[in-house]
Amino acid sequence: MAIKRHIQTPIMHRIVEAGDLIFIGGTTADDKSADIRGQTSQILAKLETLLQQGGSNKEHVVQATIYLSDLSLKAEMNEVWTAWFSADDLPARAAVGVAELAKGTLVEITFVAAKA
């Protein structure tokens, strides 16, 4: 299986293609002053761009992992999440509460998607 890596950072590649799957590393909002809705919207917009760069789109997301700094924010995050995805295209998902994310980060999301 051919593996291709794209957008290298000092600690990872943002996108890794393995066969017909695309793995997108943890993505956070740029504006850390935004609330959970704002940060989630920013992240999903960034992920949409990364999906396109990897040859996919949001309809092909098969799995997501969401890290929340406070699980009490989950309902607000879900409002943005369910508005962004079509009900027919919702991926398998886990939402995990974590003790600490980078300063000001309320949410971080990873995706696995099939190539479009």
N, C-alpha and C. Protein backbone atom coordinates (compact mmCIF):
# COMPACT_ATOMS: atom_id res chain seq x y z
N MET A 1 0.85 -1.17 0.00
CA MET A 1 0.00 0.00 0.00
C MET A 1 0.89 1.23 0.00
N ALA A 2 0.59 2.13 -0.91
CA ALA A 2 1.34 3.38 -0.98
C ALA A 2 0.86 4.35 0.10
N ILE A 3 1.80 4.98 0.76
CA ILE A 3 1.47 5.99 1.76
C ILE A 3 2.07 7.31 1.30
N LYS A 4 1.23 8.34 1.29
CA LYS A 4 1.67 9.68 0.91
C LYS A 4 1.39 10.62 2.07
N ARG A 5 2.35 11.48 2.32
CA ARG A 5 2.23 12.44 3.43
C ARG A 5 2.25 13.86 2.86
N HIS A 6 1.37 14.72 3.42
CA HIS A 6 1.25 16.09 2.93
C HIS A 6 1.25 17.07 4.10
N ILE A 7 1.74 18.26 3.83
CA ILE A 7 1.74 19.39 4.76
C ILE A 7 2.49 19.03 6.05
N GLN A 8 3.78 18.95 5.93
CA GLN A 8 4.61 18.60 7.09
C GLN A 8 4.72 19.77 8.06
N THR A 9 4.61 19.45 9.34
CA THR A 9 4.86 20.41 10.41
C THR A 9 6.07 19.86 11.19
N PRO A 10 6.54 20.57 12.18
CA PRO A 10 7.67 20.04 12.95
C PRO A 10 7.37 18.72 13.67
N ILE A 11 6.07 18.41 13.91
CA ILE A 11 5.76 17.21 14.69
C ILE A 11 4.91 16.18 13.97
N MET A 12 4.41 16.51 12.77
CA MET A 12 3.52 15.57 12.07
C MET A 12 3.30 16.01 10.64
N HIS A 13 2.55 15.22 9.88
CA HIS A 13 2.00 15.62 8.60
C HIS A 13 0.51 15.87 8.83
N ARG A 14 -0.02 16.94 8.28
CA ARG A 14 -1.44 17.28 8.48
C ARG A 14 -2.36 16.24 7.84
N ILE A 15 -1.91 15.71 6.67
CA ILE A 15 -2.71 14.73 5.93
C ILE A 15 -1.82 13.54 5.59
N VAL A 16 -2.33 12.34 5.83
CA VAL A 16 -1.64 11.12 5.42
C VAL A 16 -2.64 10.29 4.62
N GLU A 17 -2.24 9.95 3.40
CA GLU A 17 -3.04 9.06 2.56
C GLU A 17 -2.48 7.65 2.69
N ALA A 18 -3.36 6.69 2.94
CA ALA A 18 -2.98 5.28 3.01
C ALA A 18 -4.04 4.51 2.25
N GLY A 19 -3.69 4.02 1.07
CA GLY A 19 -4.67 3.36 0.24
C GLY A 19 -5.77 4.32 -0.15
N ASP A 20 -7.01 3.93 0.11
CA ASP A 20 -8.16 4.77 -0.23
C ASP A 20 -8.63 5.63 0.94
N LEU A 21 -7.81 5.69 2.00
CA LEU A 21 -8.19 6.49 3.18
C LEU A 21 -7.29 7.70 3.35
N ILE A 22 -7.86 8.74 3.93
CA ILE A 22 -7.14 9.97 4.25
C ILE A 22 -7.29 10.20 5.75
N PHE A 23 -6.16 10.39 6.42
CA PHE A 23 -6.13 10.66 7.85
C PHE A 23 -5.72 12.11 8.05
N ILE A 24 -6.53 12.85 8.78
CA ILE A 24 -6.22 14.26 9.05
C ILE A 24 -5.96 14.40 10.53
N GLY A 25 -4.77 14.92 10.85
CA GLY A 25 -4.35 15.06 12.24
C GLY A 25 -5.17 16.08 13.01
N GLY A 26 -4.94 16.11 14.30
CA GLY A 26 -5.66 17.01 15.19
C GLY A 26 -5.66 18.44 14.69
N THR A 27 -6.85 19.02 14.60
CA THR A 27 -7.03 20.37 14.06
C THR A 27 -7.73 21.22 15.11
N THR A 28 -7.19 22.41 15.32
CA THR A 28 -7.76 23.34 16.30
C THR A 28 -8.07 24.68 15.64
N ALA A 29 -8.81 25.50 16.34
CA ALA A 29 -9.18 26.83 15.84
C ALA A 29 -7.98 27.77 15.92
N ASP A 30 -7.96 28.74 15.03
CA ASP A 30 -6.92 29.77 15.07
C ASP A 30 -7.25 30.84 16.11
N ASP A 31 -8.54 31.18 16.22
CA ASP A 31 -8.97 32.21 17.17
C ASP A 31 -9.40 31.54 18.47
N LYS A 32 -8.48 31.51 19.42
CA LYS A 32 -8.74 30.84 20.70
C LYS A 32 -9.67 31.65 21.61
N SER A 33 -9.96 32.89 21.22
CA SER A 33 -10.89 33.69 22.04
C SER A 33 -12.35 33.35 21.72
N ALA A 34 -12.58 32.61 20.64
CA ALA A 34 -13.94 32.24 20.27
C ALA A 34 -14.51 31.22 21.25
N ASP A 35 -15.84 31.20 21.36
CA ASP A 35 -16.49 30.20 22.21
C ASP A 35 -16.47 28.85 21.51
N ILE A 36 -17.08 27.83 22.11
CA ILE A 36 -17.05 26.48 21.55
C ILE A 36 -17.68 26.43 20.17
N ARG A 37 -18.77 27.16 19.98
CA ARG A 37 -19.40 27.18 18.66
C ARG A 37 -18.46 27.79 17.61
N GLY A 38 -17.85 28.89 17.97
CA GLY A 38 -16.93 29.55 17.06
C GLY A 38 -15.71 28.70 16.75
N GLN A 39 -15.14 28.08 17.77
CA GLN A 39 -13.97 27.23 17.54
C GLN A 39 -14.34 26.02 16.69
N THR A 40 -15.49 25.42 16.96
CA THR A 40 -15.91 24.26 16.16
C THR A 40 -16.12 24.65 14.71
N SER A 41 -16.75 25.79 14.46
CA SER A 41 -16.96 26.27 13.09
C SER A 41 -15.63 26.50 12.38
N GLN A 42 -14.68 27.12 13.07
CA GLN A 42 -13.37 27.35 12.47
C GLN A 42 -12.69 26.04 12.11
N ILE A 43 -12.76 25.08 13.01
CA ILE A 43 -12.11 23.78 12.79
C ILE A 43 -12.74 23.07 11.60
N LEU A 44 -14.06 23.04 11.53
CA LEU A 44 -14.72 22.35 10.43
C LEU A 44 -14.40 23.00 9.10
N ALA A 45 -14.26 24.32 9.06
CA ALA A 45 -13.86 25.00 7.83
C ALA A 45 -12.43 24.60 7.43
N LYS A 46 -11.54 24.54 8.40
CA LYS A 46 -10.17 24.10 8.12
C LYS A 46 -10.14 22.65 7.65
N LEU A 47 -10.94 21.81 8.30
CA LEU A 47 -10.99 20.39 7.92
C LEU A 47 -11.55 20.23 6.51
N GLU A 48 -12.51 21.05 6.14
CA GLU A 48 -13.05 20.97 4.78
C GLU A 48 -11.97 21.25 3.75
N THR A 49 -11.14 22.25 4.01
CA THR A 49 -10.03 22.57 3.12
C THR A 49 -9.03 21.42 3.07
N LEU A 50 -8.70 20.86 4.24
CA LEU A 50 -7.75 19.74 4.28
C LEU A 50 -8.31 18.51 3.56
N LEU A 51 -9.60 18.25 3.70
CA LEU A 51 -10.22 17.14 2.99
C LEU A 51 -10.07 17.33 1.48
N GLN A 52 -10.34 18.54 1.01
CA GLN A 52 -10.21 18.83 -0.41
C GLN A 52 -8.77 18.64 -0.88
N GLN A 53 -7.82 19.09 -0.09
CA GLN A 53 -6.41 18.93 -0.45
C GLN A 53 -6.02 17.46 -0.50
N GLY A 54 -6.69 16.63 0.28
CA GLY A 54 -6.40 15.20 0.30
C GLY A 54 -7.23 14.40 -0.69
N GLY A 55 -8.08 15.08 -1.48
CA GLY A 55 -8.88 14.39 -2.48
C GLY A 55 -10.18 13.83 -1.95
N SER A 56 -10.76 14.47 -0.94
CA SER A 56 -12.00 13.98 -0.35
C SER A 56 -12.92 15.16 -0.06
N ASN A 57 -13.98 14.89 0.67
CA ASN A 57 -14.92 15.93 1.09
C ASN A 57 -15.68 15.44 2.32
N LYS A 58 -16.50 16.31 2.89
CA LYS A 58 -17.15 15.95 4.15
C LYS A 58 -18.14 14.80 4.02
N GLU A 59 -18.66 14.56 2.82
CA GLU A 59 -19.57 13.43 2.63
C GLU A 59 -18.85 12.09 2.73
N HIS A 60 -17.51 12.11 2.67
CA HIS A 60 -16.72 10.88 2.71
C HIS A 60 -16.01 10.67 4.05
N VAL A 61 -16.30 11.51 5.05
CA VAL A 61 -15.70 11.32 6.37
C VAL A 61 -16.34 10.08 7.00
N VAL A 62 -15.49 9.13 7.40
CA VAL A 62 -16.02 7.89 7.98
C VAL A 62 -15.84 7.82 9.49
N GLN A 63 -14.89 8.60 10.03
CA GLN A 63 -14.64 8.54 11.47
C GLN A 63 -14.10 9.88 11.93
N ALA A 64 -14.52 10.29 13.11
CA ALA A 64 -14.02 11.52 13.73
C ALA A 64 -13.76 11.26 15.20
N THR A 65 -12.71 11.89 15.70
CA THR A 65 -12.45 11.91 17.14
C THR A 65 -12.43 13.37 17.56
N ILE A 66 -13.20 13.67 18.59
CA ILE A 66 -13.33 15.04 19.07
C ILE A 66 -12.84 15.08 20.51
N TYR A 67 -11.92 15.97 20.77
CA TYR A 67 -11.38 16.15 22.12
C TYR A 67 -11.92 17.47 22.66
N LEU A 68 -12.59 17.41 23.80
CA LEU A 68 -13.18 18.59 24.42
C LEU A 68 -12.51 18.87 25.75
N SER A 69 -12.18 20.13 25.98
CA SER A 69 -11.56 20.50 27.25
C SER A 69 -12.55 20.43 28.40
N ASP A 70 -13.85 20.43 28.06
CA ASP A 70 -14.90 20.39 29.07
C ASP A 70 -16.12 19.71 28.44
N LEU A 71 -16.49 18.53 28.91
CA LEU A 71 -17.60 17.80 28.31
C LEU A 71 -18.94 18.52 28.44
N SER A 72 -19.04 19.50 29.31
CA SER A 72 -20.28 20.26 29.40
C SER A 72 -20.50 21.12 28.15
N LEU A 73 -19.47 21.26 27.31
CA LEU A 73 -19.57 22.02 26.06
C LEU A 73 -20.05 21.15 24.89
N LYS A 74 -20.23 19.88 25.13
CA LYS A 74 -20.54 18.93 24.05
C LYS A 74 -21.83 19.30 23.31
N ALA A 75 -22.88 19.66 24.01
CA ALA A 75 -24.16 19.97 23.37
C ALA A 75 -24.01 21.17 22.43
N GLU A 76 -23.28 22.19 22.84
CA GLU A 76 -23.07 23.36 21.98
C GLU A 76 -22.23 23.00 20.76
N MET A 77 -21.21 22.19 20.96
CA MET A 77 -20.39 21.73 19.85
C MET A 77 -21.24 20.92 18.88
N ASN A 78 -22.12 20.06 19.42
CA ASN A 78 -22.99 19.23 18.57
C ASN A 78 -23.92 20.06 17.69
N GLU A 79 -24.33 21.23 18.16
CA GLU A 79 -25.19 22.09 17.35
C GLU A 79 -24.48 22.48 16.06
N VAL A 80 -23.23 22.85 16.16
CA VAL A 80 -22.44 23.22 14.98
C VAL A 80 -22.17 21.97 14.13
N TRP A 81 -21.81 20.89 14.78
CA TRP A 81 -21.50 19.62 14.11
C TRP A 81 -22.66 19.16 13.23
N THR A 82 -23.87 19.11 13.81
CA THR A 82 -25.02 18.58 13.07
C THR A 82 -25.51 19.56 12.00
N ALA A 83 -25.19 20.84 12.13
CA ALA A 83 -25.52 21.80 11.08
C ALA A 83 -24.55 21.66 9.90
N TRP A 84 -23.33 21.23 10.16
CA TRP A 84 -22.29 21.12 9.12
C TRP A 84 -22.45 19.84 8.31
N PHE A 85 -22.73 18.73 8.97
CA PHE A 85 -22.90 17.44 8.30
C PHE A 85 -24.36 17.24 7.91
N SER A 86 -24.58 16.60 6.76
CA SER A 86 -25.90 16.12 6.41
C SER A 86 -26.21 14.94 7.34
N ALA A 87 -27.47 14.78 7.72
CA ALA A 87 -27.84 13.68 8.61
C ALA A 87 -27.47 12.32 8.00
N ASP A 88 -27.50 12.22 6.68
CA ASP A 88 -27.15 10.96 6.01
C ASP A 88 -25.65 10.71 5.98
N ASP A 89 -24.85 11.74 6.20
CA ASP A 89 -23.39 11.62 6.08
C ASP A 89 -22.65 11.67 7.41
N LEU A 90 -23.37 11.61 8.53
CA LEU A 90 -22.69 11.65 9.82
C LEU A 90 -21.72 10.48 9.95
N PRO A 91 -20.48 10.77 10.36
CA PRO A 91 -19.49 9.69 10.49
C PRO A 91 -19.62 8.98 11.84
N ALA A 92 -18.94 7.83 11.95
CA ALA A 92 -18.74 7.24 13.27
C ALA A 92 -17.91 8.25 14.07
N ARG A 93 -18.10 8.28 15.38
CA ARG A 93 -17.47 9.36 16.12
C ARG A 93 -17.28 9.01 17.59
N ALA A 94 -16.26 9.60 18.18
CA ALA A 94 -16.06 9.57 19.62
C ALA A 94 -15.80 10.99 20.08
N ALA A 95 -16.41 11.37 21.18
CA ALA A 95 -16.14 12.67 21.80
C ALA A 95 -15.56 12.38 23.18
N VAL A 96 -14.37 12.89 23.41
CA VAL A 96 -13.62 12.54 24.60
C VAL A 96 -13.30 13.80 25.40
N GLY A 97 -13.55 13.76 26.69
CA GLY A 97 -13.14 14.85 27.56
C GLY A 97 -11.68 14.66 27.93
N VAL A 98 -10.91 15.72 27.82
CA VAL A 98 -9.48 15.65 28.14
C VAL A 98 -9.16 16.68 29.22
N ALA A 99 -8.15 16.39 29.99
CA ALA A 99 -7.77 17.27 31.09
C ALA A 99 -7.21 18.59 30.59
N GLU A 100 -6.53 18.56 29.45
CA GLU A 100 -5.88 19.79 29.02
C GLU A 100 -5.58 19.74 27.53
N LEU A 101 -5.92 20.82 26.84
CA LEU A 101 -5.51 21.05 25.46
C LEU A 101 -4.62 22.29 25.48
N ALA A 102 -4.11 22.68 24.34
CA ALA A 102 -3.27 23.89 24.27
C ALA A 102 -4.04 25.08 24.83
N LYS A 103 -3.33 26.05 25.35
CA LYS A 103 -3.96 27.21 26.00
C LYS A 103 -5.05 27.83 25.13
N GLY A 104 -6.25 27.95 25.68
CA GLY A 104 -7.37 28.56 24.99
C GLY A 104 -8.12 27.63 24.06
N THR A 105 -7.60 26.44 23.85
CA THR A 105 -8.25 25.48 22.94
C THR A 105 -9.36 24.75 23.69
N LEU A 106 -10.57 24.86 23.15
CA LEU A 106 -11.73 24.20 23.74
C LEU A 106 -12.02 22.86 23.08
N VAL A 107 -11.59 22.71 21.80
CA VAL A 107 -11.91 21.52 21.04
C VAL A 107 -10.83 21.26 20.00
N GLU A 108 -10.56 19.98 19.77
CA GLU A 108 -9.64 19.53 18.73
C GLU A 108 -10.29 18.34 18.03
N ILE A 109 -10.20 18.29 16.70
CA ILE A 109 -10.90 17.25 15.94
C ILE A 109 -9.94 16.58 14.95
N THR A 110 -10.04 15.25 14.83
CA THR A 110 -9.34 14.49 13.80
C THR A 110 -10.38 13.80 12.91
N PHE A 111 -10.01 13.56 11.65
CA PHE A 111 -10.90 12.89 10.70
C PHE A 111 -10.16 11.74 10.02
N VAL A 112 -10.92 10.72 9.68
CA VAL A 112 -10.52 9.70 8.72
C VAL A 112 -11.60 9.74 7.64
N ALA A 113 -11.17 9.83 6.38
CA ALA A 113 -12.12 9.91 5.28
C ALA A 113 -11.70 8.98 4.14
N ALA A 114 -12.67 8.55 3.38
CA ALA A 114 -12.41 7.81 2.14
C ALA A 114 -12.13 8.84 1.05
N LYS A 115 -11.31 8.48 0.09
CA LYS A 115 -11.07 9.37 -1.03
C LYS A 115 -12.37 9.48 -1.83
N ALA A 116 -12.62 10.66 -2.34
CA ALA A 116 -13.84 10.90 -3.12
C ALA A 116 -13.70 10.33 -4.53
